[in-house]
C-alpha atoms as a PDB file:
ATOM      1  CA  MET A   1       1.126  21.011 -16.736  1.00  0.00           C
ATOM      2  CA  SER A   2      -1.987  19.617 -18.364  1.00  0.00           C
ATOM      3  CA  SER A   3      -2.075  16.042 -19.603  1.00  0.00           C
ATOM      4  CA  ARG A   4      -4.291  17.146 -22.501  1.00  0.00           C
ATOM      5  CA  ARG A   5      -1.169  17.936 -24.507  1.00  0.00           C
ATOM      6  CA  ARG A   6      -0.007  15.286 -26.952  1.00  0.00           C
ATOM      7  CA  LYS A   7       1.405  12.121 -25.463  1.00  0.00           C
ATOM      8  CA  PRO A   8       4.912  11.091 -26.538  1.00  0.00           C
ATOM      9  CA  ASP A   9       5.367   8.216 -28.966  1.00  0.00           C
ATOM     10  CA  TRP A  10       6.501   5.792 -26.270  1.00  0.00           C
ATOM     11  CA  LEU A  11       3.025   5.914 -24.700  1.00  0.00           C
ATOM     12  CA  LYS A  12       1.161   4.797 -27.784  1.00  0.00           C
ATOM     13  CA  MET A  13      -0.510   1.401 -27.454  1.00  0.00           C
ATOM     14  CA  ARG A  14      -2.523  -0.983 -29.553  1.00  0.00           C
ATOM     15  CA  PRO A  15      -6.058  -1.946 -28.514  1.00  0.00           C
ATOM     16  CA  PRO A  16      -6.411  -5.463 -27.082  1.00  0.00           C
ATOM     17  CA  SER A  17      -7.314  -8.189 -29.549  1.00  0.00           C
ATOM     18  CA  GLY A  18      -6.719 -11.827 -30.417  1.00  0.00           C
ATOM     19  CA  ARG A  19      -8.302 -15.189 -29.715  1.00  0.00           C
ATOM     20  CA  ARG A  20      -6.818 -15.572 -26.239  1.00  0.00           C
ATOM     21  CA  PHE A  21      -8.055 -12.141 -25.197  1.00  0.00           C
ATOM     22  CA  ALA A  22     -11.576 -12.988 -26.393  1.00  0.00           C
ATOM     23  CA  GLU A  23     -11.557 -16.357 -24.573  1.00  0.00           C
ATOM     24  CA  ILE A  24     -10.534 -14.847 -21.230  1.00  0.00           C
ATOM     25  CA  LYS A  25     -13.053 -12.028 -21.561  1.00  0.00           C
ATOM     26  CA  SER A  26     -15.821 -14.539 -22.269  1.00  0.00           C
ATOM     27  CA  THR A  27     -14.870 -16.684 -19.260  1.00  0.00           C
ATOM     28  CA  LEU A  28     -14.928 -13.654 -16.959  1.00  0.00           C
ATOM     29  CA  ARG A  29     -18.314 -12.463 -18.214  1.00  0.00           C
ATOM     30  CA  ASP A  30     -19.839 -15.945 -17.923  1.00  0.00           C
ATOM     31  CA  ARG A  31     -18.896 -16.019 -14.240  1.00  0.00           C
ATOM     32  CA  ASN A  32     -19.773 -12.392 -13.507  1.00  0.00           C
ATOM     33  CA  LEU A  33     -16.191 -11.568 -12.515  1.00  0.00           C
ATOM     34  CA  ASN A  34     -14.367  -8.244 -12.619  1.00  0.00           C
ATOM     35  CA  THR A  35     -10.738  -7.531 -13.458  1.00  0.00           C
ATOM     36  CA  VAL A  36      -8.775  -4.460 -12.502  1.00  0.00           C
ATOM     37  CA  CYS A  37      -7.295  -4.738 -15.993  1.00  0.00           C
ATOM     38  CA  GLU A  38     -10.642  -3.558 -17.386  1.00  0.00           C
ATOM     39  CA  GLU A  39     -11.968  -1.403 -14.532  1.00  0.00           C
ATOM     40  CA  ALA A  40      -8.783   0.675 -14.289  1.00  0.00           C
ATOM     41  CA  ASN A  41      -8.281   0.826 -18.079  1.00  0.00           C
ATOM     42  CA  CYS A  42      -4.841  -0.780 -17.844  1.00  0.00           C
ATOM     43  CA  PRO A  43      -2.773  -0.056 -20.978  1.00  0.00           C
ATOM     44  CA  ASN A  44      -1.301  -3.579 -20.957  1.00  0.00           C
ATOM     45  CA  LEU A  45      -4.573  -5.479 -20.904  1.00  0.00           C
ATOM     46  CA  GLY A  46      -4.154  -7.124 -24.301  1.00  0.00           C
ATOM     47  CA  GLU A  47      -0.461  -7.906 -23.848  1.00  0.00           C
ATOM     48  CA  CYS A  48      -0.832  -9.474 -20.405  1.00  0.00           C
ATOM     49  CA  TRP A  49      -3.946 -11.479 -21.247  1.00  0.00           C
ATOM     50  CA  SER A  50      -2.343 -12.823 -24.414  1.00  0.00           C
ATOM     51  CA  GLY A  51       0.879 -13.752 -22.607  1.00  0.00           C
ATOM     52  CA  ARG A  52       4.030 -15.032 -24.235  1.00  0.00           C
ATOM     53  CA  ASP A  53       6.128 -18.194 -24.213  1.00  0.00           C
ATOM     54  CA  GLY A  54       8.687 -18.451 -21.449  1.00  0.00           C
ATOM     55  CA  PRO A  55       9.230 -19.451 -17.839  1.00  0.00           C
ATOM     56  CA  GLY A  56       6.344 -18.504 -15.628  1.00  0.00           C
ATOM     57  CA  SER A  57       4.306 -16.819 -18.305  1.00  0.00           C
ATOM     58  CA  GLY A  58       1.639 -19.498 -18.639  1.00  0.00           C
ATOM     59  CA  PRO A  59      -1.228 -18.436 -20.891  1.00  0.00           C
ATOM     60  CA  GLY A  60      -1.087 -14.821 -19.653  1.00  0.00           C
ATOM     61  CA  THR A  61      -1.798 -12.785 -16.538  1.00  0.00           C
ATOM     62  CA  ALA A  62      -5.210 -11.508 -15.526  1.00  0.00           C
ATOM     63  CA  THR A  63      -5.815  -9.627 -12.290  1.00  0.00           C
ATOM     64  CA  PHE A  64      -9.138 -10.507 -10.696  1.00  0.00           C
ATOM     65  CA  MET A  65     -10.805  -7.695  -8.779  1.00  0.00           C
ATOM     66  CA  LEU A  66     -12.757  -8.980  -5.793  1.00  0.00           C
ATOM     67  CA  MET A  67     -15.714  -7.563  -3.879  1.00  0.00           C
ATOM     68  CA  GLY A  68     -17.369  -5.659  -6.703  1.00  0.00           C
ATOM     69  CA  ASP A  69     -16.459  -2.849  -9.066  1.00  0.00           C
ATOM     70  CA  ARG A  70     -17.230   0.066  -6.734  1.00  0.00           C
ATOM     71  CA  CYS A  71     -14.715   1.395  -4.217  1.00  0.00           C
ATOM     72  CA  SER A  72     -15.347   3.050  -0.859  1.00  0.00           C
ATOM     73  CA  ARG A  73     -12.459   5.455  -1.475  1.00  0.00           C
ATOM     74  CA  GLY A  74     -11.910   8.175  -4.030  1.00  0.00           C
ATOM     75  CA  CYS A  75      -8.250   8.324  -5.021  1.00  0.00           C
ATOM     76  CA  ASN A  76      -7.600  11.078  -7.555  1.00  0.00           C
ATOM     77  CA  PHE A  77      -5.535   8.881  -9.876  1.00  0.00           C
ATOM     78  CA  CYS A  78      -7.885   5.904 -10.122  1.00  0.00           C
ATOM     79  CA  ASP A  79     -10.643   5.222 -12.638  1.00  0.00           C
ATOM     80  CA  VAL A  80     -12.583   2.740 -10.481  1.00  0.00           C
ATOM     81  CA  GLU A  81     -15.952   4.217  -9.492  1.00  0.00           C
ATOM     82  CA  THR A  82     -16.565   5.345  -5.911  1.00  0.00           C
ATOM     83  CA  GLY A  83     -19.620   4.587  -3.780  1.00  0.00           C
ATOM     84  CA  GLY A  84     -22.678   2.400  -4.220  1.00  0.00           C
ATOM     85  CA  MET A  85     -21.033  -0.782  -2.954  1.00  0.00           C
ATOM     86  CA  GLU A  86     -23.143  -3.911  -2.997  1.00  0.00           C
ATOM     87  CA  ALA A  87     -23.186  -6.916  -0.678  1.00  0.00           C
ATOM     88  CA  LEU A  88     -20.392  -9.421  -1.177  1.00  0.00           C
ATOM     89  CA  ASP A  89     -21.107 -12.292  -3.534  1.00  0.00           C
ATOM     90  CA  PRO A  90     -20.663 -15.471  -1.463  1.00  0.00           C
ATOM     91  CA  ASP A  91     -20.040 -17.456  -4.655  1.00  0.00           C
ATOM     92  CA  GLU A  92     -17.212 -15.229  -5.831  1.00  0.00           C
ATOM     93  CA  PRO A  93     -14.317 -17.222  -4.278  1.00  0.00           C
ATOM     94  CA  GLU A  94     -15.444 -20.421  -6.008  1.00  0.00           C
ATOM     95  CA  ASN A  95     -16.229 -18.584  -9.242  1.00  0.00           C
ATOM     96  CA  VAL A  96     -12.721 -17.125  -9.316  1.00  0.00           C
ATOM     97  CA  ALA A  97     -11.215 -20.548  -8.634  1.00  0.00           C
ATOM     98  CA  ASP A  98     -13.347 -22.020 -11.444  1.00  0.00           C
ATOM     99  CA  ALA A  99     -12.217 -19.292 -13.849  1.00  0.00           C
ATOM    100  CA  VAL A 100      -8.559 -19.788 -12.957  1.00  0.00           C
ATOM    101  CA  ALA A 101      -8.908 -23.501 -13.709  1.00  0.00           C
ATOM    102  CA  GLU A 102     -10.784 -22.879 -16.959  1.00  0.00           C
ATOM    103  CA  ILE A 103      -8.292 -20.306 -18.223  1.00  0.00           C
ATOM    104  CA  GLY A 104      -5.374 -22.473 -17.122  1.00  0.00           C
ATOM    105  CA  LEU A 105      -3.414 -19.843 -15.220  1.00  0.00           C
ATOM    106  CA  GLU A 106      -0.249 -20.888 -13.417  1.00  0.00           C
ATOM    107  CA  TYR A 107       0.169 -17.525 -11.694  1.00  0.00           C
ATOM    108  CA  VAL A 108      -2.890 -15.686 -10.410  1.00  0.00           C
ATOM    109  CA  VAL A 109      -3.160 -12.069  -9.286  1.00  0.00           C
ATOM    110  CA  LEU A 110      -6.009 -11.068  -6.981  1.00  0.00           C
ATOM    111  CA  THR A 111      -6.813  -7.511  -5.976  1.00  0.00           C
ATOM    112  CA  SER A 112      -9.875  -5.705  -4.696  1.00  0.00           C
ATOM    113  CA  VAL A 113     -11.601  -2.431  -4.260  1.00  0.00           C
ATOM    114  CA  ASP A 114     -11.457  -0.842  -0.790  1.00  0.00           C
ATOM    115  CA  ARG A 115     -14.425  -1.883   1.328  1.00  0.00           C
ATOM    116  CA  ASP A 116     -14.298   0.405   4.353  1.00  0.00           C
ATOM    117  CA  ASP A 117     -18.025  -0.288   4.750  1.00  0.00           C
ATOM    118  CA  LEU A 118     -17.255  -3.843   5.932  1.00  0.00           C
ATOM    119  CA  ALA A 119     -16.153  -4.568   9.503  1.00  0.00           C
ATOM    120  CA  ASP A 120     -13.089  -6.542   8.374  1.00  0.00           C
ATOM    121  CA  GLY A 121     -12.522  -4.564   5.181  1.00  0.00           C
ATOM    122  CA  GLY A 122     -13.354  -7.714   3.228  1.00  0.00           C
ATOM    123  CA  SER A 123     -10.211  -9.520   4.403  1.00  0.00           C
ATOM    124  CA  ALA A 124     -12.025 -12.791   5.173  1.00  0.00           C
ATOM    125  CA  HIS A 125     -13.555 -12.846   1.674  1.00  0.00           C
ATOM    126  CA  PHE A 126     -10.117 -12.164   0.193  1.00  0.00           C
ATOM    127  CA  ALA A 127      -8.577 -15.000   2.220  1.00  0.00           C
ATOM    128  CA  GLU A 128     -11.367 -17.384   1.234  1.00  0.00           C
ATOM    129  CA  THR A 129     -10.627 -16.740  -2.441  1.00  0.00           C
ATOM    130  CA  ILE A 130      -6.923 -17.467  -1.965  1.00  0.00           C
ATOM    131  CA  ARG A 131      -7.756 -20.747  -0.263  1.00  0.00           C
ATOM    132  CA  ALA A 132     -10.301 -21.730  -2.927  1.00  0.00           C
ATOM    133  CA  ILE A 133      -7.643 -21.397  -5.631  1.00  0.00           C
ATOM    134  CA  LYS A 134      -4.997 -23.235  -3.621  1.00  0.00           C
ATOM    135  CA  GLU A 135      -7.404 -26.055  -2.750  1.00  0.00           C
ATOM    136  CA  ARG A 136      -8.038 -26.661  -6.445  1.00  0.00           C
ATOM    137  CA  ASP A 137      -4.325 -26.699  -7.286  1.00  0.00           C
ATOM    138  CA  PRO A 138      -1.628 -26.094  -4.648  1.00  0.00           C
ATOM    139  CA  GLU A 139       0.916 -25.612  -7.441  1.00  0.00           C
ATOM    140  CA  ILE A 140      -0.692 -22.360  -8.614  1.00  0.00           C
ATOM    141  CA  LEU A 141       1.227 -19.289  -7.473  1.00  0.00           C
ATOM    142  CA  VAL A 142      -1.052 -16.598  -6.056  1.00  0.00           C
ATOM    143  CA  GLU A 143      -0.126 -12.926  -5.815  1.00  0.00           C
ATOM    144  CA  VAL A 144      -2.486 -10.623  -3.935  1.00  0.00           C
ATOM    145  CA  LEU A 145      -2.597  -6.840  -4.197  1.00  0.00           C
ATOM    146  CA  ILE A 146      -4.363  -5.870  -1.009  1.00  0.00           C
ATOM    147  CA  PRO A 147      -5.843  -2.641   0.365  1.00  0.00           C
ATOM    148  CA  ASP A 148      -4.585  -1.328   3.719  1.00  0.00           C
ATOM    149  CA  PHE A 149      -7.758  -2.491   5.527  1.00  0.00           C
ATOM    150  CA  GLY A 150      -7.716   0.789   7.436  1.00  0.00           C
ATOM    151  CA  GLY A 151      -4.459  -0.214   9.093  1.00  0.00           C
ATOM    152  CA  ASP A 152      -6.071  -3.162  10.917  1.00  0.00           C
ATOM    153  CA  PRO A 153      -3.301  -5.702  11.637  1.00  0.00           C
ATOM    154  CA  GLU A 154      -5.832  -8.509  12.192  1.00  0.00           C
ATOM    155  CA  ALA A 155      -7.158  -8.039   8.668  1.00  0.00           C
ATOM    156  CA  VAL A 156      -3.636  -8.148   7.238  1.00  0.00           C
ATOM    157  CA  ARG A 157      -2.968 -11.265   9.310  1.00  0.00           C
ATOM    158  CA  ARG A 158      -5.964 -13.017   7.705  1.00  0.00           C
ATOM    159  CA  ILE A 159      -4.293 -12.535   4.333  1.00  0.00           C
ATOM    160  CA  ILE A 160      -0.962 -13.826   5.657  1.00  0.00           C
ATOM    161  CA  ASP A 161      -2.654 -16.894   7.159  1.00  0.00           C
ATOM    162  CA  ALA A 162      -4.199 -17.774   3.773  1.00  0.00           C
ATOM    163  CA  GLU A 163      -0.622 -18.226   2.497  1.00  0.00           C
ATOM    164  CA  PRO A 164      -0.462 -16.476  -0.868  1.00  0.00           C
ATOM    165  CA  ASP A 165       2.954 -16.499  -2.540  1.00  0.00           C
ATOM    166  CA  VAL A 166       3.308 -12.728  -2.951  1.00  0.00           C
ATOM    167  CA  ILE A 167       1.582  -9.968  -0.980  1.00  0.00           C
ATOM    168  CA  ALA A 168       1.556  -6.571  -2.669  1.00  0.00           C
ATOM    169  CA  HIS A 169       0.321  -3.266  -1.315  1.00  0.00           C
ATOM    170  CA  ASN A 170       0.964  -0.115  -3.320  1.00  0.00           C
ATOM    171  CA  VAL A 171       2.559   3.017  -1.888  1.00  0.00           C
ATOM    172  CA  GLU A 172       1.567   4.734  -5.198  1.00  0.00           C
ATOM    173  CA  THR A 173       3.717   7.872  -4.827  1.00  0.00           C
ATOM    174  CA  VAL A 174       6.283   9.617  -2.650  1.00  0.00           C
ATOM    175  CA  GLU A 175       5.360  10.742   0.865  1.00  0.00           C
ATOM    176  CA  ARG A 176       4.881  14.433  -0.014  1.00  0.00           C
ATOM    177  CA  LEU A 177       2.301  13.649  -2.711  1.00  0.00           C
ATOM    178  CA  GLN A 178       0.183  11.070  -0.866  1.00  0.00           C
ATOM    179  CA  TRP A 179      -2.519  13.721  -0.809  1.00  0.00           C
ATOM    180  CA  PRO A 180      -3.906  14.753  -3.276  1.00  0.00           C
ATOM    181  CA  VAL A 181      -2.941  11.551  -5.138  1.00  0.00           C
ATOM    182  CA  ARG A 182      -4.539   9.098  -2.690  1.00  0.00           C
ATOM    183  CA  ASP A 183      -7.700   9.172  -0.618  1.00  0.00           C
ATOM    184  CA  ARG A 184      -7.083  10.797   2.772  1.00  0.00           C
ATOM    185  CA  ARG A 185      -7.790   7.477   4.499  1.00  0.00           C
ATOM    186  CA  ALA A 186      -4.642   6.064   2.893  1.00  0.00           C
ATOM    187  CA  GLY A 187      -1.132   7.228   3.703  1.00  0.00           C
ATOM    188  CA  TYR A 188       2.593   6.638   3.466  1.00  0.00           C
ATOM    189  CA  GLU A 189       3.131   5.449   7.043  1.00  0.00           C
ATOM    190  CA  GLN A 190       0.081   3.200   6.951  1.00  0.00           C
ATOM    191  CA  THR A 191       1.279   1.554   3.747  1.00  0.00           C
ATOM    192  CA  MET A 192       4.759   1.029   5.171  1.00  0.00           C
ATOM    193  CA  ALA A 193       3.207  -0.509   8.299  1.00  0.00           C
ATOM    194  CA  VAL A 194       1.226  -3.036   6.212  1.00  0.00           C
ATOM    195  CA  LEU A 195       4.309  -4.062   4.247  1.00  0.00           C
ATOM    196  CA  ASP A 196       6.411  -4.224   7.413  1.00  0.00           C
ATOM    197  CA  GLN A 197       3.852  -6.469   9.117  1.00  0.00           C
ATOM    198  CA  VAL A 198       3.926  -8.955   6.249  1.00  0.00           C
ATOM    199  CA  ASP A 199       7.721  -9.005   6.356  1.00  0.00           C
ATOM    200  CA  ARG A 200       7.855  -9.447  10.150  1.00  0.00           C
ATOM    201  CA  GLU A 201       5.147 -12.092  10.428  1.00  0.00           C
ATOM    202  CA  SER A 202       5.848 -14.269   7.390  1.00  0.00           C
ATOM    203  CA  ASP A 203       8.330 -15.358   4.734  1.00  0.00           C
ATOM    204  CA  ILE A 204       5.954 -14.272   1.966  1.00  0.00           C
ATOM    205  CA  TYR A 205       7.457 -12.105  -0.768  1.00  0.00           C
ATOM    206  CA  THR A 206       6.322  -8.456  -0.619  1.00  0.00           C
ATOM    207  CA  LYS A 207       5.765  -6.051  -3.481  1.00  0.00           C
ATOM    208  CA  THR A 208       4.718  -2.461  -4.124  1.00  0.00           C
ATOM    209  CA  SER A 209       4.251  -0.032  -7.001  1.00  0.00           C
ATOM    210  CA  VAL A 210       5.128   3.628  -7.560  1.00  0.00           C
ATOM    211  CA  MET A 211       3.706   5.982 -10.204  1.00  0.00           C
ATOM    212  CA  LEU A 212       5.999   8.604 -11.753  1.00  0.00           C
ATOM    213  CA  GLY A 213       5.027  11.824 -13.484  1.00  0.00           C
ATOM    214  CA  LEU A 214       3.069  13.328 -10.580  1.00  0.00           C
ATOM    215  CA  GLY A 215       5.633  15.989  -9.677  1.00  0.00           C
ATOM    216  CA  GLU A 216       7.960  13.902  -7.539  1.00  0.00           C
ATOM    217  CA  TYR A 217      11.672  14.725  -7.226  1.00  0.00           C
ATOM    218  CA  ASP A 218      14.418  12.178  -7.794  1.00  0.00           C
ATOM    219  CA  HIS A 219      15.616  12.340  -4.188  1.00  0.00           C
ATOM    220  CA  GLU A 220      12.047  11.583  -3.034  1.00  0.00           C
ATOM    221  CA  VAL A 221      11.851   8.521  -5.273  1.00  0.00           C
ATOM    222  CA  TYR A 222      15.192   7.283  -3.960  1.00  0.00           C
ATOM    223  CA  ARG A 223      14.127   7.841  -0.359  1.00  0.00           C
ATOM    224  CA  THR A 224      10.897   5.920  -1.001  1.00  0.00           C
ATOM    225  CA  MET A 225      12.906   2.994  -2.354  1.00  0.00           C
ATOM    226  CA  ARG A 226      15.180   3.060   0.702  1.00  0.00           C
ATOM    227  CA  ASP A 227      12.156   3.130   3.013  1.00  0.00           C
ATOM    228  CA  LEU A 228      10.649   0.159   1.171  1.00  0.00           C
ATOM    229  CA  ARG A 229      13.823  -1.874   1.557  1.00  0.00           C
ATOM    230  CA  GLU A 230      13.942  -1.017   5.260  1.00  0.00           C
ATOM    231  CA  VAL A 231      10.536  -2.655   5.757  1.00  0.00           C
ATOM    232  CA  GLY A 232      11.629  -5.703   3.758  1.00  0.00           C
ATOM    233  CA  VAL A 233       9.914  -5.132   0.402  1.00  0.00           C
ATOM    234  CA  ASP A 234      11.280  -7.566  -2.201  1.00  0.00           C
ATOM    235  CA  ILE A 235       9.779  -6.277  -5.460  1.00  0.00           C
ATOM    236  CA  VAL A 236       9.029  -2.778  -6.743  1.00  0.00           C
ATOM    237  CA  THR A 237       7.491  -1.578 -10.005  1.00  0.00           C
ATOM    238  CA  PHE A 238       7.515   1.873 -11.599  1.00  0.00           C
ATOM    239  CA  GLY A 239       5.055   3.150 -14.187  1.00  0.00           C
ATOM    240  CA  GLN A 240       3.903   6.397 -15.750  1.00  0.00           C
ATOM    241  CA  TYR A 241       0.786   7.998 -14.288  1.00  0.00           C
ATOM    242  CA  LEU A 242      -1.797   8.525 -17.024  1.00  0.00           C
ATOM    243  CA  GLN A 243      -4.853  10.687 -16.424  1.00  0.00           C
ATOM    244  CA  PRO A 244      -7.994   8.494 -16.741  1.00  0.00           C
ATOM    245  CA  SER A 245     -10.298  11.485 -17.339  1.00  0.00           C
ATOM    246  CA  ARG A 246     -10.324  15.266 -17.094  1.00  0.00           C
ATOM    247  CA  SER A 247     -11.754  15.015 -13.586  1.00  0.00           C
ATOM    248  CA  HIS A 248      -8.622  13.220 -12.369  1.00  0.00           C
ATOM    249  CA  LEU A 249      -5.212  14.659 -11.536  1.00  0.00           C
ATOM    250  CA  ASP A 250      -3.284  16.173 -14.417  1.00  0.00           C
ATOM    251  CA  VAL A 251      -0.055  14.533 -15.521  1.00  0.00           C
ATOM    252  CA  PHE A 252       2.786  16.743 -14.302  1.00  0.00           C
ATOM    253  CA  GLU A 253       5.385  15.157 -16.579  1.00  0.00           C
ATOM    254  CA  TYR A 254       5.780  12.385 -19.122  1.00  0.00           C
ATOM    255  CA  VAL A 255       8.875  10.631 -17.814  1.00  0.00           C
ATOM    256  CA  HIS A 256      11.349   9.446 -20.450  1.00  0.00           C
ATOM    257  CA  PRO A 257      11.944   5.676 -20.735  1.00  0.00           C
ATOM    258  CA  ASP A 258      15.636   6.203 -19.948  1.00  0.00           C
ATOM    259  CA  VAL A 259      14.658   7.460 -16.479  1.00  0.00           C
ATOM    260  CA  PHE A 260      12.655   4.296 -15.863  1.00  0.00           C
ATOM    261  CA  ASP A 261      15.680   2.238 -16.922  1.00  0.00           C
ATOM    262  CA  THR A 262      17.825   4.132 -14.417  1.00  0.00           C
ATOM    263  CA  TRP A 263      15.431   3.440 -11.548  1.00  0.00           C
ATOM    264  CA  GLU A 264      15.382  -0.241 -12.475  1.00  0.00           C
ATOM    265  CA  ARG A 265      19.181  -0.407 -12.242  1.00  0.00           C
ATOM    266  CA  VAL A 266      19.204   1.460  -8.933  1.00  0.00           C
ATOM    267  CA  ALA A 267      16.539  -0.851  -7.495  1.00  0.00           C
ATOM    268  CA  GLU A 268      18.184  -4.114  -8.516  1.00  0.00           C
ATOM    269  CA  GLU A 269      21.919  -3.333  -8.504  1.00  0.00           C
ATOM    270  CA  GLU A 270      22.224  -0.804  -5.697  1.00  0.00           C
ATOM    271  CA  LEU A 271      19.323  -1.462  -3.342  1.00  0.00           C
ATOM    272  CA  GLY A 272      18.967  -5.201  -3.815  1.00  0.00           C
ATOM    273  CA  PHE A 273      15.322  -5.660  -4.775  1.00  0.00           C
ATOM    274  CA  LEU A 274      14.605  -9.146  -6.126  1.00  0.00           C
ATOM    275  CA  TYR A 275      13.429  -7.472  -9.304  1.00  0.00           C
ATOM    276  CA  CYS A 276      12.112  -4.155 -10.517  1.00  0.00           C
ATOM    277  CA  ALA A 277       9.725  -3.823 -13.454  1.00  0.00           C
ATOM    278  CA  SER A 278      10.084  -0.239 -14.625  1.00  0.00           C
ATOM    279  CA  GLY A 279       8.732   1.479 -17.728  1.00  0.00           C
ATOM    280  CA  PRO A 280       6.145   4.021 -18.839  1.00  0.00           C
ATOM    281  CA  MET A 281       3.491   1.345 -19.458  1.00  0.00           C
ATOM    282  CA  VAL A 282       4.294  -0.878 -16.472  1.00  0.00           C
ATOM    283  CA  ARG A 283       1.597  -1.390 -13.862  1.00  0.00           C
ATOM    284  CA  SER A 284       1.729  -3.314 -10.576  1.00  0.00           C
ATOM    285  CA  SER A 285       0.611  -6.644 -12.041  1.00  0.00           C
ATOM    286  CA  TYR A 286       2.427  -6.257 -15.374  1.00  0.00           C
ATOM    287  CA  LYS A 287       3.563  -9.743 -16.477  1.00  0.00           C
ATOM    288  CA  ALA A 288       3.689 -10.552 -12.778  1.00  0.00           C
ATOM    289  CA  GLY A 289       4.074 -14.305 -13.143  1.00  0.00           C
ATOM    290  CA  GLU A 290       6.819 -14.460 -15.723  1.00  0.00           C
ATOM    291  CA  LEU A 291       8.860 -11.657 -14.116  1.00  0.00           C
ATOM    292  CA  PHE A 292       8.638 -13.219 -10.654  1.00  0.00           C
ATOM    293  CA  VAL A 293       9.673 -16.704 -11.744  1.00  0.00           C
ATOM    294  CA  ASP A 294      12.329 -15.335 -14.132  1.00  0.00           C
ATOM    295  CA  ALA A 295      13.852 -13.353 -11.255  1.00  0.00           C
ATOM    296  CA  LEU A 296      14.214 -16.499  -9.165  1.00  0.00           C
ATOM    297  CA  VAL A 297      15.685 -18.335 -12.161  1.00  0.00           C
ATOM    298  CA  ARG A 298      18.269 -15.560 -12.579  1.00  0.00           C
ATOM    299  CA  GLU A 299      19.330 -16.261  -9.000  1.00  0.00           C
ATOM    300  CA  GLY A 300      20.259 -19.775 -10.059  1.00  0.00           C
ATOM    301  CA  ALA A 301      17.079 -21.804  -9.622  1.00  0.00           C
ATOM    302  CA  THR A 302      15.456 -23.957 -12.278  1.00  0.00           C
ATOM    303  CA  VAL A 303      11.862 -23.114 -13.133  1.00  0.00           C
ATOM    304  CA  ASP A 304      10.601 -25.932 -10.899  1.00  0.00           C
ATOM    305  CA  GLN A 305      12.926 -24.873  -8.095  1.00  0.00           C
ATOM    306  CA  ALA A 306      11.791 -21.278  -8.521  1.00  0.00           C
ATOM    307  CA  ARG A 307       8.199 -22.293  -8.076  1.00  0.00           C
ATOM    308  CA  SER A 308       9.098 -24.333  -4.983  1.00  0.00           C
ATOM    309  CA  ARG A 309      11.059 -21.419  -3.538  1.00  0.00           C
ATOM    310  CA  ALA A 310       8.162 -19.107  -4.163  1.00  0.00           C
ATOM    311  CA  ARG A 311       5.761 -21.403  -2.357  1.00  0.00           C
ATOM    312  CA  ALA A 312       8.242 -21.730   0.527  1.00  0.00           C
ATOM    313  CA  GLY A 313       8.895 -17.987   0.641  1.00  0.00           C
ATOM    314  CA  ASP A 314      12.652 -18.610   0.489  1.00  0.00           C
END
């Protein structure tokens, strides 16, 4: 089923705008930084950057993309360009920390392209950035969305040792559809192993994201959620796959918002995830800070206690 047919009304979005959006964009350009919000054409860019009032929201959420804007892998759902990777910028960790301070973020999301061309997959650079932010302000909560580092447990351990508050790694889709959705170097078992390692070796919260509308069956989605809970994943998000260009995978189905609501209830009420963000426009880092802190508050903590619990991984 081609995605070139008309999108339903619930997928319509407004282009990003506003003073806060312009300020953040200017700060990023001044420091030569990339965000996955822009590189992956995230539909929530304006909303997340603008933020809203409320616990944990701060002045908005921006997801910094480390190690360049070119990826060593070619996933068929992703709009980030493949190939032509450049050398790592040794100033990037400090530049990101400077930008976080200038923008005034209370909750920071870091992600990266895959760098299979590097011996450690870029894990040391990733860890250095986490530490640079924490050294500036230990109160800042840091979520990282990491690659699988080719399944190298030492690389994953470097991330754990840098002590972010949330470690995310996306399973993306159900097991049957891993290929052709993801690059062949990725995979269901490898993703589960990364998430399991974080759970076994630390008290850090774990998170993953699943795209719907790729041809998955309900029983496959449910099984994926069960598998994620078995390896200790705390947070899951669901969003609609949208075709970035005609050279990418077609959308199999535009999933109705009611279905997303059902999966959210199943995740939180039946399977016991800390929280589930689920909706057609939701992406992995969607309002990550406010949703994370709000979830801890719903469990009975004050905002300050929630932040302390997050930092303690309890």
